């Protein structure tokens, strides 16, 4: 990170050189401080006072020389780790930032000396449509690069349609021969069919005949559906699956829908009205924004609204000509019971 003027200094000076270099490295690499820091006069003056023996590298030198070398060094370590690992699992996720730029991240999980370790294998831009073919191609490129294709135990993704389509037919290593010449998976024309009983499972999960939750024994066809897919490489993310379970459960809570709709409108109003936000701020109250794909964020939003005394909240809504958003005592009662369940 820093040019070392080694010829003029003692061993004590050199230890100080390494210490300061480590500090600058931590600032830029570990803590994510912008690289432009090294070009700012304030930082240059600070370093000159801190230790005049140093000559800082420029941002250009960092980006073109130091960072690529650090990256190559880390990749080499990862390759050695993957080579020594006997079994690995990976997680795959697609993420979009606020500027709508998409990235795909792949993380490796394995045991080293009986201790679970996780490492980021790849975090790369994802261009174009996020189709199943694109995701599968990026996934295969990374696992082939690190030569772990025959060591994979499980791949974990969320339940997005493109992930299901891309990875649901991938088998664990060794199971390819199990399905060779499998006539049961072909139709009359010889083309492969999807024979994992998904339709049967979908019919069970979409049963709308109950409006409340019950503990029931697993049906035989569900057990069969699960057992026939144990050899598949991909497993759905438990957290995302739980999100979908809660979402589907809320659909059955029709008595809470009207009250939840009011709360949602109140929360949205607090994020669009500066007057409302100011009045809440005087009460030391805030209503956090909800995230569409995470029910727990919506839970926190509803909790924040319910933490505002109902009479005070309705008085504020009256002042702002929003009487249609009034929460009644019945609304409050239903929501309190509903939130206790989610909590």
Protein backbone atom coordinates (compact mmCIF):
# COMPACT_ATOMS: atom_id res chain seq x y z
CA UNK A 1 0.00 0.00 0.00
CA UNK A 2 2.90 2.34 0.76
CA UNK A 3 6.35 2.79 -0.74
CA UNK A 4 8.92 1.76 1.82
CA UNK A 5 12.17 3.72 1.93
CA UNK A 6 14.02 0.77 3.44
CA UNK A 7 17.61 1.77 2.81
CA UNK A 8 17.64 4.69 5.25
CA UNK A 9 15.93 3.16 8.28
CA UNK A 10 16.69 0.86 11.15
CA UNK A 11 14.82 -2.35 11.97
CA UNK A 12 12.67 -0.37 14.42
CA UNK A 13 11.78 2.07 11.67
CA UNK A 14 10.88 -0.81 9.35
CA UNK A 15 8.53 -2.29 11.95
CA UNK A 16 6.84 1.10 12.13
CA UNK A 17 6.62 1.10 8.33
CA UNK A 18 4.81 -2.24 8.36
CA UNK A 19 2.48 -1.11 11.14
CA UNK A 20 1.44 2.03 9.30
CA UNK A 21 1.05 0.10 6.06
CA UNK A 22 -1.27 -2.31 7.89
CA UNK A 23 -3.35 0.61 9.19
CA UNK A 24 -3.81 2.07 5.72
CA UNK A 25 -4.61 -1.35 4.29
CA UNK A 26 -7.29 -1.93 6.94
CA UNK A 27 -8.82 1.47 6.24
CA UNK A 28 -9.13 0.83 2.52
CA UNK A 29 -9.63 -2.93 2.26
CA UNK A 30 -11.24 -4.05 5.52
CA UNK A 31 -13.42 -1.02 6.28
CA UNK A 32 -14.35 -0.04 2.73
CA UNK A 33 -12.99 3.51 2.82
CA UNK A 34 -12.95 4.92 -0.75
CA UNK A 35 -9.66 4.57 -2.60
CA UNK A 36 -9.75 8.32 -3.27
CA UNK A 37 -8.75 8.76 0.38
CA UNK A 38 -5.07 8.50 -0.55
CA UNK A 39 -5.39 11.48 -2.94
CA UNK A 40 -7.03 13.80 -0.42
CA UNK A 41 -4.78 16.56 0.94
CA UNK A 42 -6.16 16.15 4.45
CA UNK A 43 -5.15 12.49 4.58
CA UNK A 44 -1.75 13.23 3.02
CA UNK A 45 -1.09 15.89 5.66
CA UNK A 46 -2.25 13.52 8.40
CA UNK A 47 0.13 10.80 7.21
CA UNK A 48 2.98 13.29 6.94
CA UNK A 49 2.48 14.26 10.58
CA UNK A 50 1.88 10.66 11.66
CA UNK A 51 5.14 9.50 10.12
CA UNK A 52 7.08 11.53 7.56
CA UNK A 53 9.00 8.42 6.46
CA UNK A 54 6.11 7.32 4.24
CA UNK A 55 5.30 8.06 0.66
CA UNK A 56 1.71 7.01 -0.05
CA UNK A 57 0.79 5.16 -3.21
CA UNK A 58 -1.62 6.94 -5.49
CA UNK A 59 -5.14 5.76 -6.24
CA UNK A 60 -3.97 4.77 -9.72
CA UNK A 61 -1.23 2.55 -8.29
CA UNK A 62 -3.68 0.96 -5.86
CA UNK A 63 -6.26 0.09 -8.51
CA UNK A 64 -3.82 -1.09 -11.17
CA UNK A 65 -1.24 -2.87 -9.07
CA UNK A 66 -1.97 -3.54 -5.39
CA UNK A 67 -5.63 -4.59 -5.55
CA UNK A 68 -5.21 -6.99 -8.50
CA UNK A 69 -2.28 -8.63 -6.68
CA UNK A 70 -4.35 -8.96 -3.48
CA UNK A 71 -7.20 -10.45 -5.53
CA UNK A 72 -4.92 -12.98 -7.25
CA UNK A 73 -3.41 -13.93 -3.88
CA UNK A 74 -6.86 -14.56 -2.40
CA UNK A 75 -8.01 -16.60 -5.42
CA UNK A 76 -4.90 -18.77 -5.10
CA UNK A 77 -5.72 -19.42 -1.44
CA UNK A 78 -9.30 -20.32 -2.36
CA UNK A 79 -8.13 -22.75 -5.03
CA UNK A 80 -5.87 -24.49 -2.52
CA UNK A 81 -8.72 -24.66 -0.01
CA UNK A 82 -11.12 -26.10 -2.60
CA UNK A 83 -8.51 -28.63 -3.67
CA UNK A 84 -8.06 -29.83 -0.09
CA UNK A 85 -11.76 -29.87 0.80
CA UNK A 86 -13.44 -33.27 0.60
CA UNK A 87 -17.03 -32.04 0.46
CA UNK A 88 -18.48 -28.56 -0.11
CA UNK A 89 -21.87 -26.87 -0.32
CA UNK A 90 -22.58 -23.55 -1.98
CA UNK A 91 -25.24 -20.87 -1.79
CA UNK A 92 -26.26 -18.77 -4.77
CA UNK A 93 -28.15 -15.51 -4.72
CA UNK A 94 -28.88 -12.64 -7.10
CA UNK A 95 -28.88 -9.12 -5.68
CA UNK A 96 -29.88 -5.77 -7.22
CA UNK A 97 -28.64 -2.46 -5.81
CA UNK A 98 -30.52 0.84 -5.70
CA UNK A 99 -29.25 1.76 -9.15
CA UNK A 100 -30.77 -1.47 -10.50
CA UNK A 101 -27.40 -3.05 -11.18
CA UNK A 102 -27.58 -6.83 -10.71
CA UNK A 103 -24.95 -9.11 -9.20
CA UNK A 104 -24.68 -12.83 -8.61
CA UNK A 105 -22.96 -14.08 -5.48
CA UNK A 106 -21.76 -17.63 -4.83
CA UNK A 107 -20.54 -18.64 -1.36
CA UNK A 108 -18.75 -21.85 -0.43
CA UNK A 109 -19.25 -23.70 2.86
CA UNK A 110 -17.03 -26.52 4.08
CA UNK A 111 -15.45 -27.98 7.21
CA UNK A 112 -11.79 -27.29 7.99
CA UNK A 113 -10.36 -29.02 11.06
CA UNK A 114 -13.90 -29.82 12.21
CA UNK A 115 -14.88 -26.14 12.02
CA UNK A 116 -17.43 -24.77 9.58
CA UNK A 117 -15.95 -22.13 7.25
CA UNK A 118 -17.58 -19.95 4.60
CA UNK A 119 -15.86 -18.13 1.75
CA UNK A 120 -17.11 -15.90 -1.04
CA UNK A 121 -16.15 -17.58 -4.31
CA UNK A 122 -17.61 -15.04 -6.68
CA UNK A 123 -19.46 -11.74 -6.68
CA UNK A 124 -19.87 -10.61 -10.26
CA UNK A 125 -22.13 -8.35 -12.35
CA UNK A 126 -25.10 -10.11 -13.91
CA UNK A 127 -26.04 -8.71 -17.29
CA UNK A 128 -29.28 -9.08 -19.22
CA UNK A 129 -32.32 -11.10 -18.19
CA UNK A 130 -31.90 -13.37 -15.17
CA UNK A 131 -33.03 -16.48 -17.03
CA UNK A 132 -32.42 -20.03 -15.87
CA UNK A 133 -29.81 -20.53 -18.61
CA UNK A 134 -27.87 -17.43 -17.55
CA UNK A 135 -27.84 -18.44 -13.87
CA UNK A 136 -26.82 -22.00 -14.69
CA UNK A 137 -24.00 -20.79 -16.96
CA UNK A 138 -22.58 -18.45 -14.30
CA UNK A 139 -22.88 -21.16 -11.64
CA UNK A 140 -21.08 -23.75 -13.74
CA UNK A 141 -18.36 -21.28 -14.69
CA UNK A 142 -17.49 -20.66 -11.02
CA UNK A 143 -17.60 -24.27 -9.79
CA UNK A 144 -15.55 -25.43 -12.78
CA UNK A 145 -13.00 -22.67 -12.19
CA UNK A 146 -12.46 -23.90 -8.62
CA UNK A 147 -12.77 -27.59 -9.64
CA UNK A 148 -15.44 -28.42 -7.07
CA UNK A 149 -18.06 -29.82 -9.45
CA UNK A 150 -17.50 -33.37 -8.14
CA UNK A 151 -17.36 -32.32 -4.47
CA UNK A 152 -20.71 -30.58 -4.24
CA UNK A 153 -23.08 -31.86 -1.58
CA UNK A 154 -25.81 -29.25 -1.84
CA UNK A 155 -26.66 -26.02 -3.64
CA UNK A 156 -28.95 -23.63 -1.75
CA UNK A 157 -31.00 -20.99 -3.59
CA UNK A 158 -34.22 -19.13 -2.97
CA UNK A 159 -37.51 -20.24 -4.52
CA UNK A 160 -37.47 -17.91 -7.51
CA UNK A 161 -38.81 -19.55 -10.67
CA UNK A 162 -35.54 -19.07 -12.56
CA UNK A 163 -33.58 -20.84 -9.79
CA UNK A 164 -36.02 -23.73 -9.70
CA UNK A 165 -35.89 -24.10 -13.47
CA UNK A 166 -32.09 -23.82 -13.60
CA UNK A 167 -31.14 -26.19 -10.80
CA UNK A 168 -34.01 -28.54 -9.96
CA UNK A 169 -32.83 -31.20 -12.41
CA UNK A 170 -29.20 -31.15 -11.28
CA UNK A 171 -28.25 -34.38 -9.50
CA UNK A 172 -25.76 -35.13 -6.79
CA UNK A 173 -22.47 -36.51 -8.10
CA UNK A 174 -22.88 -40.23 -8.76
CA UNK A 175 -26.63 -40.15 -9.31
CA UNK A 176 -26.28 -39.64 -13.07
CA UNK A 177 -25.92 -43.39 -13.60
CA UNK A 178 -29.06 -44.03 -11.52
CA UNK A 179 -31.18 -42.33 -14.16
CA UNK A 180 -29.44 -43.65 -17.26
CA UNK A 181 -31.80 -45.49 -19.65
CA UNK A 182 -34.71 -44.72 -17.34
CA UNK A 183 -37.72 -45.44 -19.53
CA UNK A 184 -40.09 -44.22 -16.84
CA UNK A 185 -38.90 -40.68 -17.43
CA UNK A 186 -39.65 -40.69 -21.16
CA UNK A 187 -42.87 -40.19 -23.04
CA UNK A 188 -43.97 -42.08 -26.14
CA UNK A 189 -41.73 -39.90 -28.31
CA UNK A 190 -38.64 -40.63 -26.26
CA UNK A 191 -38.36 -37.11 -24.81
CA UNK A 192 -37.63 -36.60 -21.13
CA UNK A 193 -40.49 -35.80 -18.80
CA UNK A 194 -40.46 -34.12 -15.41
CA UNK A 195 -41.39 -36.99 -13.11
CA UNK A 196 -41.00 -35.48 -9.65
CA UNK A 197 -44.70 -35.30 -8.75
CA UNK A 198 -44.59 -31.52 -8.50
CA UNK A 199 -48.16 -31.27 -9.74
CA UNK A 200 -49.42 -33.49 -6.93
CA UNK A 201 -47.52 -31.48 -4.33
CA UNK A 202 -48.80 -28.21 -5.76
CA UNK A 203 -52.37 -29.47 -5.54
CA UNK A 204 -51.92 -30.28 -1.86
CA UNK A 205 -50.31 -26.98 -0.95
CA UNK A 206 -52.96 -24.97 -2.81
CA UNK A 207 -55.88 -26.54 -0.98
CA UNK A 208 -58.14 -23.61 -0.01
CA UNK A 209 -60.67 -25.65 1.94
CA UNK A 210 -59.31 -24.54 5.34
CA UNK A 211 -59.24 -21.04 6.75
CA UNK A 212 -57.13 -21.93 9.78
CA UNK A 213 -53.95 -23.85 10.54
CA UNK A 214 -53.99 -27.47 11.67
CA UNK A 215 -51.35 -30.03 12.53
CA UNK A 216 -52.00 -33.02 10.27
CA UNK A 217 -50.01 -36.16 9.43
CA UNK A 218 -47.97 -35.99 6.24
CA UNK A 219 -49.86 -37.51 3.36
CA UNK A 220 -48.27 -40.45 1.53
CA UNK A 221 -47.95 -38.50 -1.71
CA UNK A 222 -46.06 -35.68 0.08
CA UNK A 223 -43.66 -38.21 1.58
CA UNK A 224 -43.18 -39.74 -1.86
CA UNK A 225 -42.61 -36.29 -3.38
CA UNK A 226 -39.88 -35.55 -0.83
CA UNK A 227 -38.19 -38.94 -0.95
CA UNK A 228 -37.99 -38.98 -4.75
CA UNK A 229 -36.11 -35.66 -4.73
CA UNK A 230 -33.52 -36.40 -2.06
CA UNK A 231 -30.93 -37.04 -4.75
CA UNK A 232 -31.34 -33.54 -6.23
CA UNK A 233 -28.45 -31.17 -5.68
CA UNK A 234 -30.53 -28.03 -5.03
CA UNK A 235 -32.36 -27.36 -1.78
CA UNK A 236 -34.58 -24.32 -1.22
CA UNK A 237 -33.40 -21.71 1.25
CA UNK A 238 -35.17 -22.36 4.57
CA UNK A 239 -35.51 -18.65 5.37
CA UNK A 240 -37.08 -17.86 2.00
CA UNK A 241 -39.39 -20.86 2.30
CA UNK A 242 -40.50 -19.65 5.73
CA UNK A 243 -41.21 -16.27 4.14
CA UNK A 244 -43.52 -17.96 1.63
CA UNK A 245 -45.23 -20.00 4.35
CA UNK A 246 -46.04 -16.86 6.35
CA UNK A 247 -47.18 -15.08 3.19
CA UNK A 248 -49.56 -17.90 2.31
CA UNK A 249 -50.78 -18.08 5.89
CA UNK A 250 -51.61 -14.37 5.94
CA UNK A 251 -53.82 -14.87 2.88
CA UNK A 252 -56.13 -16.98 5.08
CA UNK A 253 -56.35 -14.30 7.78
CA UNK A 254 -59.21 -12.46 6.10
CA UNK A 255 -60.35 -10.84 9.35
CA UNK A 256 -57.00 -9.03 9.61
CA UNK A 257 -56.76 -7.93 5.97
CA UNK A 258 -58.74 -4.71 6.34
CA UNK A 259 -56.74 -3.60 9.39
CA UNK A 260 -53.43 -4.51 7.72
CA UNK A 261 -54.43 -2.46 4.67
CA UNK A 262 -54.98 0.58 6.89
CA UNK A 263 -51.63 0.09 8.59
CA UNK A 264 -49.90 -0.21 5.22
CA UNK A 265 -51.45 3.05 4.05
CA UNK A 266 -50.49 4.79 7.30
CA UNK A 267 -46.90 3.60 6.91
CA UNK A 268 -46.76 4.70 3.28
CA UNK A 269 -48.21 8.09 4.24
CA UNK A 270 -45.49 8.53 6.87
CA UNK A 271 -42.84 8.01 4.16
CA UNK A 272 -44.41 10.53 1.77
CA UNK A 273 -45.65 13.29 4.10
CA UNK A 274 -43.05 15.48 5.79
CA UNK A 275 -45.75 16.87 8.13
CA UNK A 276 -46.69 13.40 9.31
CA UNK A 277 -43.02 12.47 9.74
CA UNK A 278 -42.39 15.63 11.78
CA UNK A 279 -45.32 14.93 14.10
CA UNK A 280 -44.10 11.37 14.63
CA UNK A 281 -40.61 12.66 15.30
CA UNK A 282 -41.96 14.88 18.11
CA UNK A 283 -43.33 11.70 19.68
CA UNK A 284 -39.94 10.00 19.17
CA UNK A 285 -41.68 7.57 16.84
CA UNK A 286 -40.66 6.32 13.42
CA UNK A 287 -42.24 3.82 11.04
CA UNK A 288 -39.60 1.73 9.21
CA UNK A 289 -39.97 0.99 5.54
CA UNK A 290 -41.19 -2.46 4.63
CA UNK A 291 -39.39 -4.69 2.16
CA UNK A 292 -41.58 -6.57 -0.29
CA UNK A 293 -39.72 -9.88 -0.13
CA UNK A 294 -39.28 -10.09 3.65
CA UNK A 295 -42.34 -10.53 5.83
CA UNK A 296 -40.41 -9.73 9.00
CA UNK A 297 -39.77 -6.19 7.75
CA UNK A 298 -43.51 -5.80 7.25
CA UNK A 299 -43.98 -7.20 10.76
CA UNK A 300 -41.69 -4.48 12.15
CA UNK A 301 -43.60 -1.82 10.22
CA UNK A 302 -46.94 -2.93 11.69
CA UNK A 303 -45.39 -3.16 15.16
CA UNK A 304 -44.16 0.43 14.89
CA UNK A 305 -47.64 1.67 13.96
CA UNK A 306 -49.25 -0.24 16.84
CA UNK A 307 -46.72 1.26 19.26
CA UNK A 308 -48.23 4.72 18.62
CA UNK A 309 -51.16 5.32 21.03
CA UNK A 310 -54.29 4.93 18.92
CA UNK A 311 -55.94 8.17 20.11
CA UNK A 312 -52.80 10.21 19.39
CA UNK A 313 -52.41 8.57 15.98
CA UNK A 314 -56.03 9.28 15.04
CA UNK A 315 -55.68 12.91 16.21
CA UNK A 316 -52.69 13.35 13.91
CA UNK A 317 -54.57 11.77 11.00
CA UNK A 318 -57.48 14.16 11.68
CA UNK A 319 -55.14 17.16 11.50
CA UNK A 320 -53.80 15.90 8.19
CA UNK A 321 -57.27 15.17 6.72
CA UNK A 322 -56.74 11.43 6.67
CA UNK A 323 -59.76 10.24 8.66
CA UNK A 324 -60.18 7.27 6.32
CA UNK A 325 -57.02 5.83 7.89
CA UNK A 326 -58.43 5.84 11.43
CA UNK A 327 -57.64 2.70 13.41
CA UNK A 328 -60.62 1.54 15.43
CA UNK A 329 -60.45 -0.34 18.71
CA UNK A 330 -61.60 -3.43 16.80
CA UNK A 331 -58.73 -2.97 14.32
CA UNK A 332 -56.30 -2.67 17.19
CA UNK A 333 -57.66 -5.78 18.90
CA UNK A 334 -57.43 -7.88 15.75
CA UNK A 335 -53.94 -6.64 14.93
CA UNK A 336 -52.64 -7.20 18.46
CA UNK A 337 -53.77 -10.82 18.29
CA UNK A 338 -52.43 -11.23 14.79
CA UNK A 339 -49.02 -9.74 15.67
CA UNK A 340 -48.77 -11.95 18.76
CA UNK A 341 -49.06 -14.94 16.43
CA UNK A 342 -46.35 -13.65 14.09
CA UNK A 343 -44.12 -12.70 17.01
